[in-house]
Amino acid sequence: MKSSTFEEKKQNVKIAFVILAAGESTRMGSIKQLLPWKDTTLLEHVINQGVASNVASVFVILGANYDRIIDTITNSKITVIKNRDWSSGMGSSIVCAIDYIKKNNLYFDAILIALADQPLIEFMYFNKLVNRFFDTDKNIVATLTKNRPGVPSIFGKEYFKILSELKNDIGAREIINSHINDVYIEKAGGLNIDIDTKDTYKILYNKYGKDI
């Protein structure tokens, strides 16, 4: 166990929830973040799950199609950050989030990194990750994806400096792999499916994403 008790952590630990949504999604042939999902868009659905989670603040990193996307976001309980270097890859969005937190003198004990295109992961699973971070002695809690650890994942403040130094398209998985002895791996039960193609979107939307 870490030094604090579980209940003390729940009361005192501040976690930033960061949604990476800056990509251009060229393979989709449309703006992926704006695809319909239930009664809203793919991106806003993930935003709503983040807001419902046991975190202190929610940040959304936008880049490609910024002007089109930001006008569709209706949830006012978040902070949108513009990544002007979005074409460099996912790592640049993580760096953008850490830089924003530093420049605005915000304090967080950990950062939860999530993707905008995993709509089957909802707040219950994010809370599972948060609770696991509280009760494990590991400083990274990652999700098992295709037999390897990845996102969504939580990084303790010990890793903020490393996250702020990511280059190009090197994302959080590289840090996880490099510090695997400090990682607790959680299973998402098949919920962490990325929507990378039109076919995947159609299948998931028809099964889970229609507004009832």
N, C-alpha and C. Protein backbone atom coordinates (compact mmCIF):
# COMPACT_ATOMS: atom_id res chain seq x y z
N MET A 1 0.84 -1.21 0.00
CA MET A 1 0.00 0.00 0.00
C MET A 1 0.86 1.25 0.00
N LYS A 2 0.37 2.31 -0.62
CA LYS A 2 1.05 3.60 -0.52
C LYS A 2 0.81 4.16 0.88
N SER A 3 1.38 5.29 1.18
CA SER A 3 1.38 5.79 2.55
C SER A 3 -0.01 6.11 3.08
N SER A 4 -0.89 6.65 2.25
CA SER A 4 -2.21 7.04 2.71
C SER A 4 -3.16 5.85 2.71
N THR A 5 -4.19 5.93 3.52
CA THR A 5 -5.22 4.89 3.50
C THR A 5 -6.12 5.12 2.30
N PHE A 6 -6.89 4.10 1.98
CA PHE A 6 -7.80 4.17 0.82
C PHE A 6 -8.75 5.35 0.96
N GLU A 7 -9.38 5.51 2.11
CA GLU A 7 -10.37 6.58 2.30
C GLU A 7 -9.71 7.95 2.26
N GLU A 8 -8.50 8.08 2.80
CA GLU A 8 -7.79 9.36 2.75
C GLU A 8 -7.49 9.75 1.31
N LYS A 9 -7.11 8.78 0.52
CA LYS A 9 -6.83 9.05 -0.89
C LYS A 9 -8.08 9.50 -1.62
N LYS A 10 -9.18 8.83 -1.36
CA LYS A 10 -10.42 9.18 -2.05
C LYS A 10 -10.80 10.63 -1.76
N GLN A 11 -10.46 11.12 -0.58
CA GLN A 11 -10.82 12.47 -0.20
C GLN A 11 -9.82 13.51 -0.70
N ASN A 12 -8.55 13.11 -0.81
CA ASN A 12 -7.50 14.09 -1.05
C ASN A 12 -6.83 14.04 -2.41
N VAL A 13 -6.83 12.91 -3.06
CA VAL A 13 -6.12 12.78 -4.33
C VAL A 13 -6.91 13.45 -5.46
N LYS A 14 -6.23 14.30 -6.22
CA LYS A 14 -6.86 14.98 -7.35
C LYS A 14 -6.36 14.37 -8.65
N ILE A 15 -7.30 13.89 -9.45
CA ILE A 15 -6.95 13.27 -10.72
C ILE A 15 -7.50 14.10 -11.87
N ALA A 16 -6.65 14.37 -12.84
CA ALA A 16 -7.07 15.06 -14.06
C ALA A 16 -7.44 14.02 -15.11
N PHE A 17 -8.58 14.20 -15.72
CA PHE A 17 -9.06 13.29 -16.76
C PHE A 17 -8.82 13.98 -18.11
N VAL A 18 -7.96 13.38 -18.94
CA VAL A 18 -7.56 14.00 -20.21
C VAL A 18 -8.04 13.12 -21.37
N ILE A 19 -8.86 13.71 -22.24
CA ILE A 19 -9.37 13.01 -23.41
C ILE A 19 -8.58 13.45 -24.63
N LEU A 20 -7.95 12.51 -25.29
CA LEU A 20 -7.18 12.81 -26.49
C LEU A 20 -8.09 12.75 -27.70
N ALA A 21 -8.34 13.91 -28.32
CA ALA A 21 -9.28 13.99 -29.43
C ALA A 21 -8.79 14.92 -30.52
N ALA A 22 -7.48 14.94 -30.75
CA ALA A 22 -6.90 15.91 -31.67
C ALA A 22 -6.65 15.36 -33.07
N GLY A 23 -6.84 14.06 -33.25
CA GLY A 23 -6.49 13.44 -34.53
C GLY A 23 -7.41 13.81 -35.68
N GLU A 24 -6.91 13.58 -36.88
CA GLU A 24 -7.65 13.95 -38.09
C GLU A 24 -8.59 12.84 -38.56
N SER A 25 -8.37 11.61 -38.10
CA SER A 25 -9.20 10.45 -38.45
C SER A 25 -9.43 10.32 -39.95
N THR A 26 -8.34 10.34 -40.70
CA THR A 26 -8.43 10.31 -42.16
C THR A 26 -9.06 9.02 -42.67
N ARG A 27 -8.84 7.91 -41.97
CA ARG A 27 -9.39 6.63 -42.44
C ARG A 27 -10.91 6.59 -42.39
N MET A 28 -11.51 7.44 -41.58
CA MET A 28 -12.96 7.42 -41.43
C MET A 28 -13.66 8.14 -42.58
N GLY A 29 -12.95 9.06 -43.25
CA GLY A 29 -13.58 9.82 -44.32
C GLY A 29 -14.51 10.90 -43.82
N SER A 30 -14.55 11.10 -42.51
CA SER A 30 -15.37 12.14 -41.88
C SER A 30 -14.74 12.46 -40.54
N ILE A 31 -15.29 13.47 -39.87
CA ILE A 31 -14.74 13.84 -38.56
C ILE A 31 -15.24 12.84 -37.52
N LYS A 32 -14.36 11.96 -37.08
CA LYS A 32 -14.75 10.88 -36.19
C LYS A 32 -15.36 11.38 -34.89
N GLN A 33 -14.80 12.44 -34.34
CA GLN A 33 -15.29 12.95 -33.06
C GLN A 33 -16.77 13.35 -33.11
N LEU A 34 -17.27 13.66 -34.32
CA LEU A 34 -18.64 14.15 -34.47
C LEU A 34 -19.62 13.07 -34.92
N LEU A 35 -19.17 11.85 -35.03
CA LEU A 35 -20.08 10.77 -35.42
C LEU A 35 -21.17 10.60 -34.36
N PRO A 36 -22.39 10.30 -34.76
CA PRO A 36 -23.48 10.11 -33.79
C PRO A 36 -23.19 8.94 -32.84
N TRP A 37 -23.55 9.16 -31.57
CA TRP A 37 -23.48 8.08 -30.59
C TRP A 37 -24.55 8.34 -29.54
N LYS A 38 -25.52 7.45 -29.49
CA LYS A 38 -26.68 7.61 -28.61
C LYS A 38 -27.32 8.97 -28.89
N ASP A 39 -27.49 9.81 -27.90
CA ASP A 39 -28.19 11.08 -28.13
C ASP A 39 -27.24 12.24 -28.36
N THR A 40 -25.96 11.92 -28.67
CA THR A 40 -24.98 12.99 -28.83
C THR A 40 -23.93 12.55 -29.85
N THR A 41 -22.72 13.06 -29.71
CA THR A 41 -21.63 12.66 -30.60
C THR A 41 -20.69 11.70 -29.89
N LEU A 42 -19.81 11.10 -30.66
CA LEU A 42 -18.83 10.18 -30.09
C LEU A 42 -17.99 10.88 -29.04
N LEU A 43 -17.52 12.09 -29.36
CA LEU A 43 -16.67 12.81 -28.42
C LEU A 43 -17.44 13.24 -27.18
N GLU A 44 -18.61 13.82 -27.37
CA GLU A 44 -19.33 14.30 -26.19
C GLU A 44 -19.78 13.15 -25.29
N HIS A 45 -20.01 12.00 -25.87
CA HIS A 45 -20.34 10.83 -25.05
C HIS A 45 -19.18 10.52 -24.10
N VAL A 46 -17.95 10.52 -24.62
CA VAL A 46 -16.79 10.25 -23.78
C VAL A 46 -16.61 11.38 -22.76
N ILE A 47 -16.85 12.62 -23.18
CA ILE A 47 -16.78 13.75 -22.25
C ILE A 47 -17.74 13.54 -21.09
N ASN A 48 -18.96 13.15 -21.39
CA ASN A 48 -19.96 12.95 -20.34
C ASN A 48 -19.55 11.85 -19.37
N GLN A 49 -18.90 10.81 -19.90
CA GLN A 49 -18.43 9.74 -19.03
C GLN A 49 -17.32 10.24 -18.11
N GLY A 50 -16.45 11.09 -18.66
CA GLY A 50 -15.38 11.65 -17.84
C GLY A 50 -15.93 12.53 -16.73
N VAL A 51 -16.89 13.37 -17.07
CA VAL A 51 -17.49 14.26 -16.08
C VAL A 51 -18.19 13.46 -14.97
N ALA A 52 -18.74 12.31 -15.33
CA ALA A 52 -19.44 11.47 -14.35
C ALA A 52 -18.49 10.65 -13.49
N SER A 53 -17.22 10.64 -13.85
CA SER A 53 -16.23 9.83 -13.12
C SER A 53 -15.74 10.54 -11.86
N ASN A 54 -15.07 9.79 -11.00
CA ASN A 54 -14.54 10.33 -9.75
C ASN A 54 -13.18 10.99 -9.98
N VAL A 55 -13.22 12.09 -10.73
CA VAL A 55 -12.00 12.84 -11.02
C VAL A 55 -12.23 14.30 -10.66
N ALA A 56 -11.13 15.06 -10.60
CA ALA A 56 -11.24 16.46 -10.19
C ALA A 56 -11.61 17.37 -11.35
N SER A 57 -11.02 17.13 -12.53
CA SER A 57 -11.23 18.00 -13.68
C SER A 57 -11.14 17.18 -14.96
N VAL A 58 -11.84 17.66 -15.98
CA VAL A 58 -11.81 17.00 -17.29
C VAL A 58 -11.27 17.96 -18.34
N PHE A 59 -10.29 17.51 -19.10
CA PHE A 59 -9.69 18.29 -20.17
C PHE A 59 -9.84 17.55 -21.49
N VAL A 60 -10.13 18.28 -22.54
CA VAL A 60 -10.26 17.70 -23.88
C VAL A 60 -9.22 18.35 -24.78
N ILE A 61 -8.40 17.53 -25.41
CA ILE A 61 -7.37 18.04 -26.30
C ILE A 61 -7.88 17.94 -27.73
N LEU A 62 -8.05 19.10 -28.38
CA LEU A 62 -8.48 19.15 -29.77
C LEU A 62 -7.34 19.65 -30.64
N GLY A 63 -7.42 19.32 -31.94
CA GLY A 63 -6.40 19.77 -32.87
C GLY A 63 -6.98 19.91 -34.26
N ALA A 64 -6.97 18.82 -35.02
CA ALA A 64 -7.57 18.84 -36.36
C ALA A 64 -9.06 19.15 -36.26
N ASN A 65 -9.55 19.96 -37.18
CA ASN A 65 -10.98 20.32 -37.21
C ASN A 65 -11.45 21.00 -35.92
N TYR A 66 -10.53 21.73 -35.29
CA TYR A 66 -10.85 22.37 -34.01
C TYR A 66 -12.12 23.21 -34.07
N ASP A 67 -12.20 24.09 -35.07
CA ASP A 67 -13.34 25.01 -35.15
C ASP A 67 -14.66 24.27 -35.35
N ARG A 68 -14.62 23.18 -36.10
CA ARG A 68 -15.85 22.41 -36.32
C ARG A 68 -16.29 21.68 -35.06
N ILE A 69 -15.32 21.16 -34.34
CA ILE A 69 -15.64 20.31 -33.19
C ILE A 69 -16.04 21.13 -31.97
N ILE A 70 -15.32 22.19 -31.68
CA ILE A 70 -15.56 22.92 -30.43
C ILE A 70 -16.98 23.49 -30.37
N ASP A 71 -17.53 23.84 -31.50
CA ASP A 71 -18.89 24.40 -31.52
C ASP A 71 -19.96 23.36 -31.19
N THR A 72 -19.58 22.08 -31.20
CA THR A 72 -20.56 21.01 -30.92
C THR A 72 -20.54 20.57 -29.46
N ILE A 73 -19.54 21.02 -28.72
CA ILE A 73 -19.41 20.58 -27.33
C ILE A 73 -20.33 21.40 -26.44
N THR A 74 -21.24 20.74 -25.77
CA THR A 74 -22.21 21.44 -24.94
C THR A 74 -21.95 21.29 -23.44
N ASN A 75 -21.15 20.32 -23.06
CA ASN A 75 -20.87 20.11 -21.64
C ASN A 75 -19.93 21.21 -21.15
N SER A 76 -20.40 22.02 -20.23
CA SER A 76 -19.64 23.18 -19.76
C SER A 76 -18.68 22.86 -18.61
N LYS A 77 -18.66 21.62 -18.16
CA LYS A 77 -17.84 21.26 -17.00
C LYS A 77 -16.45 20.78 -17.39
N ILE A 78 -15.98 21.20 -18.54
CA ILE A 78 -14.68 20.75 -19.02
C ILE A 78 -13.84 21.94 -19.46
N THR A 79 -12.57 21.66 -19.71
CA THR A 79 -11.65 22.65 -20.29
C THR A 79 -11.14 22.09 -21.61
N VAL A 80 -11.29 22.87 -22.68
CA VAL A 80 -10.79 22.46 -23.99
C VAL A 80 -9.42 23.10 -24.21
N ILE A 81 -8.47 22.27 -24.64
CA ILE A 81 -7.11 22.73 -24.90
C ILE A 81 -6.81 22.50 -26.38
N LYS A 82 -6.30 23.52 -27.05
CA LYS A 82 -5.98 23.38 -28.47
C LYS A 82 -4.53 22.96 -28.65
N ASN A 83 -4.34 21.83 -29.32
CA ASN A 83 -3.01 21.35 -29.65
C ASN A 83 -2.67 21.78 -31.06
N ARG A 84 -1.85 22.80 -31.18
CA ARG A 84 -1.49 23.32 -32.51
C ARG A 84 -0.51 22.39 -33.23
N ASP A 85 0.08 21.49 -32.49
CA ASP A 85 1.05 20.56 -33.07
C ASP A 85 0.44 19.16 -33.23
N TRP A 86 -0.88 19.10 -33.39
CA TRP A 86 -1.59 17.82 -33.39
C TRP A 86 -1.08 16.85 -34.45
N SER A 87 -0.59 17.35 -35.58
CA SER A 87 -0.16 16.47 -36.67
C SER A 87 1.09 15.67 -36.30
N SER A 88 1.75 16.06 -35.21
CA SER A 88 2.94 15.32 -34.78
C SER A 88 2.58 13.98 -34.15
N GLY A 89 1.34 13.81 -33.75
CA GLY A 89 0.92 12.54 -33.18
C GLY A 89 0.38 12.65 -31.77
N MET A 90 -0.02 11.51 -31.24
CA MET A 90 -0.69 11.45 -29.95
C MET A 90 0.18 11.98 -28.81
N GLY A 91 1.47 11.73 -28.91
CA GLY A 91 2.37 12.20 -27.85
C GLY A 91 2.29 13.69 -27.65
N SER A 92 2.11 14.43 -28.74
CA SER A 92 2.05 15.89 -28.64
C SER A 92 0.82 16.35 -27.85
N SER A 93 -0.27 15.59 -27.90
CA SER A 93 -1.47 15.95 -27.15
C SER A 93 -1.28 15.74 -25.66
N ILE A 94 -0.55 14.69 -25.31
CA ILE A 94 -0.24 14.45 -23.89
C ILE A 94 0.67 15.56 -23.38
N VAL A 95 1.67 15.92 -24.17
CA VAL A 95 2.56 17.02 -23.80
C VAL A 95 1.76 18.32 -23.63
N CYS A 96 0.82 18.54 -24.53
CA CYS A 96 -0.02 19.74 -24.49
C CYS A 96 -0.81 19.82 -23.19
N ALA A 97 -1.33 18.68 -22.75
CA ALA A 97 -2.11 18.64 -21.50
C ALA A 97 -1.23 18.95 -20.30
N ILE A 98 -0.07 18.31 -20.24
CA ILE A 98 0.84 18.54 -19.11
C ILE A 98 1.31 19.99 -19.08
N ASP A 99 1.63 20.54 -20.26
CA ASP A 99 2.07 21.94 -20.33
C ASP A 99 0.98 22.89 -19.83
N TYR A 100 -0.27 22.61 -20.21
CA TYR A 100 -1.38 23.46 -19.78
C TYR A 100 -1.51 23.43 -18.26
N ILE A 101 -1.42 22.25 -17.70
CA ILE A 101 -1.54 22.10 -16.25
C ILE A 101 -0.43 22.89 -15.54
N LYS A 102 0.78 22.79 -16.06
CA LYS A 102 1.91 23.50 -15.46
C LYS A 102 1.76 25.01 -15.59
N LYS A 103 1.45 25.48 -16.80
CA LYS A 103 1.39 26.91 -17.05
C LYS A 103 0.28 27.60 -16.26
N ASN A 104 -0.76 26.85 -15.94
CA ASN A 104 -1.87 27.42 -15.19
C ASN A 104 -1.80 27.11 -13.69
N ASN A 105 -0.64 26.61 -13.27
CA ASN A 105 -0.39 26.34 -11.85
C ASN A 105 -1.46 25.46 -11.22
N LEU A 106 -1.88 24.46 -11.98
CA LEU A 106 -2.86 23.51 -11.48
C LEU A 106 -2.13 22.34 -10.83
N TYR A 107 -2.73 21.79 -9.79
CA TYR A 107 -2.08 20.66 -9.11
C TYR A 107 -2.95 19.42 -9.23
N PHE A 108 -2.33 18.34 -9.67
CA PHE A 108 -2.99 17.04 -9.69
C PHE A 108 -2.01 15.98 -9.23
N ASP A 109 -2.55 14.97 -8.56
CA ASP A 109 -1.73 13.85 -8.10
C ASP A 109 -1.54 12.81 -9.18
N ALA A 110 -2.42 12.83 -10.17
CA ALA A 110 -2.36 11.84 -11.24
C ALA A 110 -3.14 12.34 -12.44
N ILE A 111 -2.88 11.71 -13.58
CA ILE A 111 -3.59 12.05 -14.80
C ILE A 111 -4.14 10.77 -15.42
N LEU A 112 -5.41 10.80 -15.76
CA LEU A 112 -6.05 9.66 -16.42
C LEU A 112 -6.17 10.00 -17.90
N ILE A 113 -5.52 9.22 -18.73
CA ILE A 113 -5.53 9.46 -20.17
C ILE A 113 -6.53 8.52 -20.84
N ALA A 114 -7.46 9.11 -21.59
CA ALA A 114 -8.49 8.34 -22.28
C ALA A 114 -8.55 8.77 -23.73
N LEU A 115 -9.16 7.93 -24.56
CA LEU A 115 -9.29 8.22 -25.98
C LEU A 115 -10.72 8.61 -26.31
N ALA A 116 -10.87 9.38 -27.38
CA ALA A 116 -12.20 9.85 -27.78
C ALA A 116 -12.96 8.81 -28.59
N ASP A 117 -12.29 7.73 -28.96
CA ASP A 117 -12.93 6.76 -29.85
C ASP A 117 -13.12 5.38 -29.22
N GLN A 118 -13.30 5.35 -27.90
CA GLN A 118 -13.60 4.10 -27.20
C GLN A 118 -14.93 4.26 -26.45
N PRO A 119 -16.04 4.37 -27.16
CA PRO A 119 -17.32 4.72 -26.52
C PRO A 119 -17.91 3.65 -25.61
N LEU A 120 -17.42 2.43 -25.71
CA LEU A 120 -17.97 1.38 -24.84
C LEU A 120 -17.43 1.49 -23.42
N ILE A 121 -16.35 2.22 -23.24
CA ILE A 121 -15.82 2.44 -21.89
C ILE A 121 -16.57 3.61 -21.27
N GLU A 122 -17.25 3.33 -20.18
CA GLU A 122 -18.06 4.36 -19.53
C GLU A 122 -17.53 4.63 -18.13
N PHE A 123 -18.20 5.51 -17.41
CA PHE A 123 -17.65 6.03 -16.16
C PHE A 123 -17.39 4.95 -15.12
N MET A 124 -18.16 3.84 -15.16
CA MET A 124 -17.94 2.77 -14.19
C MET A 124 -16.54 2.19 -14.31
N TYR A 125 -16.08 2.04 -15.55
CA TYR A 125 -14.73 1.49 -15.72
C TYR A 125 -13.68 2.52 -15.35
N PHE A 126 -13.90 3.78 -15.70
CA PHE A 126 -12.95 4.82 -15.29
C PHE A 126 -12.84 4.86 -13.76
N ASN A 127 -13.96 4.72 -13.08
CA ASN A 127 -13.92 4.70 -11.62
C ASN A 127 -13.18 3.47 -11.09
N LYS A 128 -13.28 2.38 -11.82
CA LYS A 128 -12.54 1.17 -11.45
C LYS A 128 -11.04 1.42 -11.50
N LEU A 129 -10.61 2.13 -12.54
CA LEU A 129 -9.20 2.49 -12.65
C LEU A 129 -8.78 3.41 -11.50
N VAL A 130 -9.63 4.40 -11.22
CA VAL A 130 -9.33 5.34 -10.13
C VAL A 130 -9.21 4.61 -8.80
N ASN A 131 -10.17 3.74 -8.51
CA ASN A 131 -10.13 2.99 -7.25
C ASN A 131 -8.90 2.10 -7.18
N ARG A 132 -8.52 1.52 -8.31
CA ARG A 132 -7.33 0.68 -8.33
C ARG A 132 -6.09 1.51 -8.05
N PHE A 133 -6.04 2.73 -8.57
CA PHE A 133 -4.91 3.61 -8.31
C PHE A 133 -4.81 3.92 -6.82
N PHE A 134 -5.96 4.05 -6.17
CA PHE A 134 -5.98 4.33 -4.74
C PHE A 134 -5.41 3.17 -3.93
N ASP A 135 -5.75 1.94 -4.31
CA ASP A 135 -5.44 0.82 -3.41
C ASP A 135 -4.25 -0.04 -3.84
N THR A 136 -3.54 0.37 -4.88
CA THR A 136 -2.34 -0.36 -5.27
C THR A 136 -1.09 0.44 -4.93
N ASP A 137 0.04 -0.24 -4.84
CA ASP A 137 1.29 0.47 -4.59
C ASP A 137 1.97 0.86 -5.89
N LYS A 138 1.31 0.61 -7.01
CA LYS A 138 1.86 0.98 -8.31
C LYS A 138 1.48 2.43 -8.64
N ASN A 139 2.34 3.08 -9.43
CA ASN A 139 2.07 4.46 -9.80
C ASN A 139 1.48 4.61 -11.20
N ILE A 140 1.30 3.49 -11.89
CA ILE A 140 0.61 3.47 -13.17
C ILE A 140 -0.44 2.37 -13.13
N VAL A 141 -1.65 2.71 -13.56
CA VAL A 141 -2.70 1.70 -13.72
C VAL A 141 -3.11 1.74 -15.19
N ALA A 142 -2.91 0.63 -15.88
CA ALA A 142 -3.15 0.59 -17.33
C ALA A 142 -4.21 -0.46 -17.66
N THR A 143 -4.75 -0.34 -18.86
CA THR A 143 -5.77 -1.27 -19.34
C THR A 143 -5.15 -2.27 -20.30
N LEU A 144 -5.49 -3.54 -20.12
CA LEU A 144 -5.00 -4.57 -21.02
C LEU A 144 -5.69 -4.44 -22.37
N THR A 145 -4.90 -4.22 -23.42
CA THR A 145 -5.42 -4.05 -24.76
C THR A 145 -4.63 -4.93 -25.72
N LYS A 146 -5.32 -5.90 -26.33
CA LYS A 146 -4.65 -6.81 -27.27
C LYS A 146 -3.41 -7.43 -26.64
N ASN A 147 -3.60 -7.93 -25.41
CA ASN A 147 -2.55 -8.64 -24.67
C ASN A 147 -1.36 -7.78 -24.27
N ARG A 148 -1.55 -6.47 -24.27
CA ARG A 148 -0.49 -5.59 -23.78
C ARG A 148 -1.13 -4.39 -23.09
N PRO A 149 -0.43 -3.80 -22.13
CA PRO A 149 -1.01 -2.68 -21.39
C PRO A 149 -1.05 -1.40 -22.22
N GLY A 150 -2.15 -0.66 -22.07
CA GLY A 150 -2.29 0.60 -22.80
C GLY A 150 -3.30 1.50 -22.13
N VAL A 151 -3.93 2.35 -22.91
CA VAL A 151 -4.92 3.29 -22.38
C VAL A 151 -6.33 2.69 -22.52
N PRO A 152 -7.25 3.19 -21.68
CA PRO A 152 -7.12 4.22 -20.66
C PRO A 152 -6.12 3.82 -19.57
N SER A 153 -5.42 4.79 -19.07
CA SER A 153 -4.44 4.52 -18.02
C SER A 153 -4.27 5.74 -17.13
N ILE A 154 -3.83 5.48 -15.92
CA ILE A 154 -3.58 6.54 -14.95
C ILE A 154 -2.08 6.57 -14.63
N PHE A 155 -1.54 7.78 -14.64
CA PHE A 155 -0.13 7.98 -14.30
C PHE A 155 -0.05 8.89 -13.08
N GLY A 156 0.66 8.44 -12.06
CA GLY A 156 0.90 9.27 -10.90
C GLY A 156 1.81 10.43 -11.25
N LYS A 157 1.85 11.44 -10.38
CA LYS A 157 2.61 12.67 -10.66
C LYS A 157 4.09 12.40 -10.87
N GLU A 158 4.57 11.24 -10.40
CA GLU A 158 5.97 10.88 -10.61
C GLU A 158 6.32 10.80 -12.10
N TYR A 159 5.30 10.64 -12.93
CA TYR A 159 5.53 10.47 -14.37
C TYR A 159 5.20 11.71 -15.20
N PHE A 160 4.82 12.79 -14.55
CA PHE A 160 4.45 13.99 -15.30
C PHE A 160 5.61 14.51 -16.14
N LYS A 161 6.81 14.51 -15.59
CA LYS A 161 7.96 15.03 -16.34
C LYS A 161 8.22 14.17 -17.58
N ILE A 162 8.15 12.87 -17.44
CA ILE A 162 8.37 11.98 -18.58
C ILE A 162 7.27 12.18 -19.62
N LEU A 163 6.03 12.33 -19.17
CA LEU A 163 4.93 12.57 -20.10
C LEU A 163 5.13 13.87 -20.86
N SER A 164 5.68 14.86 -20.20
CA SER A 164 5.87 16.18 -20.83
C SER A 164 6.98 16.17 -21.86
N GLU A 165 7.74 15.08 -21.93
CA GLU A 165 8.87 15.00 -22.86
C GLU A 165 8.62 14.04 -24.01
N LEU A 166 7.40 13.57 -24.16
CA LEU A 166 7.08 12.66 -25.27
C LEU A 166 7.31 13.35 -26.61
N LYS A 167 7.73 12.58 -27.58
CA LYS A 167 8.02 13.11 -28.91
C LYS A 167 7.15 12.46 -29.97
N ASN A 168 6.79 13.24 -30.97
CA ASN A 168 6.09 12.74 -32.14
C ASN A 168 4.89 11.88 -31.79
N ASP A 169 4.82 10.67 -32.37
CA ASP A 169 3.66 9.82 -32.15
C ASP A 169 3.89 8.79 -31.06
N ILE A 170 4.91 9.02 -30.23
CA ILE A 170 5.15 8.13 -29.11
C ILE A 170 4.16 8.48 -28.01
N GLY A 171 3.33 7.51 -27.66
CA GLY A 171 2.28 7.78 -26.69
C GLY A 171 2.56 7.17 -25.32
N ALA A 172 1.52 7.08 -24.53
CA ALA A 172 1.65 6.62 -23.16
C ALA A 172 2.13 5.17 -23.06
N ARG A 173 1.81 4.36 -24.08
CA ARG A 173 2.19 2.95 -24.02
C ARG A 173 3.70 2.76 -23.88
N GLU A 174 4.48 3.63 -24.50
CA GLU A 174 5.93 3.51 -24.42
C GLU A 174 6.41 3.69 -22.98
N ILE A 175 5.79 4.62 -22.26
CA ILE A 175 6.16 4.84 -20.86
C ILE A 175 5.74 3.65 -20.02
N ILE A 176 4.57 3.13 -20.29
CA ILE A 176 4.09 1.95 -19.57
C ILE A 176 5.07 0.79 -19.75
N ASN A 177 5.46 0.53 -20.99
CA ASN A 177 6.36 -0.58 -21.27
C ASN A 177 7.72 -0.39 -20.62
N SER A 178 8.15 0.85 -20.53
CA SER A 178 9.47 1.14 -19.96
C SER A 178 9.49 1.06 -18.43
N HIS A 179 8.31 1.07 -17.82
CA HIS A 179 8.23 1.05 -16.35
C HIS A 179 7.24 -0.03 -15.91
N ILE A 180 7.30 -1.17 -16.57
CA ILE A 180 6.30 -2.21 -16.37
C ILE A 180 6.25 -2.72 -14.93
N ASN A 181 7.35 -2.62 -14.19
CA ASN A 181 7.34 -3.07 -12.79
C ASN A 181 6.56 -2.14 -11.87
N ASP A 182 6.22 -0.97 -12.40
CA ASP A 182 5.45 0.00 -11.61
C ASP A 182 4.03 0.12 -12.15
N VAL A 183 3.57 -0.94 -12.86
CA VAL A 183 2.27 -0.90 -13.53
C VAL A 183 1.34 -1.97 -12.98
N TYR A 184 0.12 -1.56 -12.66
CA TYR A 184 -0.95 -2.53 -12.40
C TYR A 184 -1.81 -2.59 -13.66
N ILE A 185 -2.07 -3.80 -14.14
CA ILE A 185 -2.82 -3.96 -15.39
C ILE A 185 -4.24 -4.41 -15.09
N GLU A 186 -5.19 -3.61 -15.53
CA GLU A 186 -6.62 -3.88 -15.33
C GLU A 186 -7.22 -4.38 -16.65
N LYS A 187 -8.22 -5.25 -16.53
CA LYS A 187 -8.91 -5.77 -17.71
C LYS A 187 -10.23 -5.04 -17.91
N ALA A 188 -10.50 -4.66 -19.16
CA ALA A 188 -11.73 -3.91 -19.47
C ALA A 188 -12.85 -4.81 -19.97
N GLY A 189 -12.61 -6.10 -20.04
CA GLY A 189 -13.66 -7.01 -20.47
C GLY A 189 -14.13 -6.80 -21.90
N GLY A 190 -13.21 -6.41 -22.77
CA GLY A 190 -13.55 -6.22 -24.17
C GLY A 190 -14.20 -4.89 -24.51
N LEU A 191 -14.28 -4.00 -23.54
CA LEU A 191 -14.92 -2.70 -23.78
C LEU A 191 -14.01 -1.72 -24.51
N ASN A 192 -12.72 -1.92 -24.44
CA ASN A 192 -11.77 -0.94 -25.00
C ASN A 192 -11.51 -1.21 -26.48
N ILE A 193 -12.55 -1.05 -27.27
CA ILE A 193 -12.47 -1.21 -28.71
C ILE A 193 -12.34 0.18 -29.35
N ASP A 194 -11.29 0.38 -30.11
CA ASP A 194 -11.10 1.65 -30.81
C ASP A 194 -11.94 1.68 -32.08
N ILE A 195 -12.57 2.80 -32.33
CA ILE A 195 -13.27 2.97 -33.61
C ILE A 195 -12.29 3.60 -34.59
N ASP A 196 -11.67 2.75 -35.40
CA ASP A 196 -10.67 3.22 -36.35
C ASP A 196 -11.13 3.17 -37.80
N THR A 197 -12.20 2.42 -38.05
CA THR A 197 -12.68 2.27 -39.43
C THR A 197 -14.19 2.46 -39.49
N LYS A 198 -14.69 2.71 -40.69
CA LYS A 198 -16.13 2.85 -40.87
C LYS A 198 -16.86 1.57 -40.49
N ASP A 199 -16.29 0.43 -40.84
CA ASP A 199 -16.93 -0.84 -40.53
C ASP A 199 -17.06 -1.06 -39.03
N THR A 200 -15.99 -0.76 -38.30
CA THR A 200 -16.05 -0.91 -36.83
C THR A 200 -17.10 0.01 -36.25
N TYR A 201 -17.14 1.25 -36.73
CA TYR A 201 -18.15 2.19 -36.24
C TYR A 201 -19.56 1.68 -36.51
N LYS A 202 -19.83 1.22 -37.70
CA LYS A 202 -21.17 0.74 -38.05
C LYS A 202 -21.60 -0.42 -37.16
N ILE A 203 -20.67 -1.35 -36.94
CA ILE A 203 -20.99 -2.51 -36.09
C ILE A 203 -21.32 -2.08 -34.67
N LEU A 204 -20.45 -1.24 -34.09
CA LEU A 204 -20.66 -0.82 -32.70
C LEU A 204 -21.87 0.09 -32.57
N TYR A 205 -22.04 0.99 -33.55
CA TYR A 205 -23.18 1.90 -33.49
C TYR A 205 -24.50 1.13 -33.55
N ASN A 206 -24.61 0.19 -34.46
CA ASN A 206 -25.85 -0.57 -34.60
C ASN A 206 -26.15 -1.42 -33.37
N LYS A 207 -25.11 -1.84 -32.67
CA LYS A 207 -25.31 -2.69 -31.50
C LYS A 207 -25.46 -1.91 -30.20
N TYR A 208 -24.70 -0.79 -30.08
CA TYR A 208 -24.67 -0.08 -28.80
C TYR A 208 -24.98 1.41 -28.90
N GLY A 209 -24.80 2.01 -30.06
CA GLY A 209 -24.78 3.46 -30.14
C GLY A 209 -26.07 4.15 -30.54
N LYS A 210 -27.09 3.38 -30.87
CA LYS A 210 -28.34 4.01 -31.29
C LYS A 210 -29.07 4.60 -30.08
N ASP A 211 -29.65 5.76 -30.29
CA ASP A 211 -30.42 6.42 -29.23
C ASP A 211 -31.76 5.70 -29.07
N ILE A 212 -32.00 5.24 -27.86
CA ILE A 212 -33.24 4.49 -27.59
C ILE A 212 -34.29 5.40 -26.96
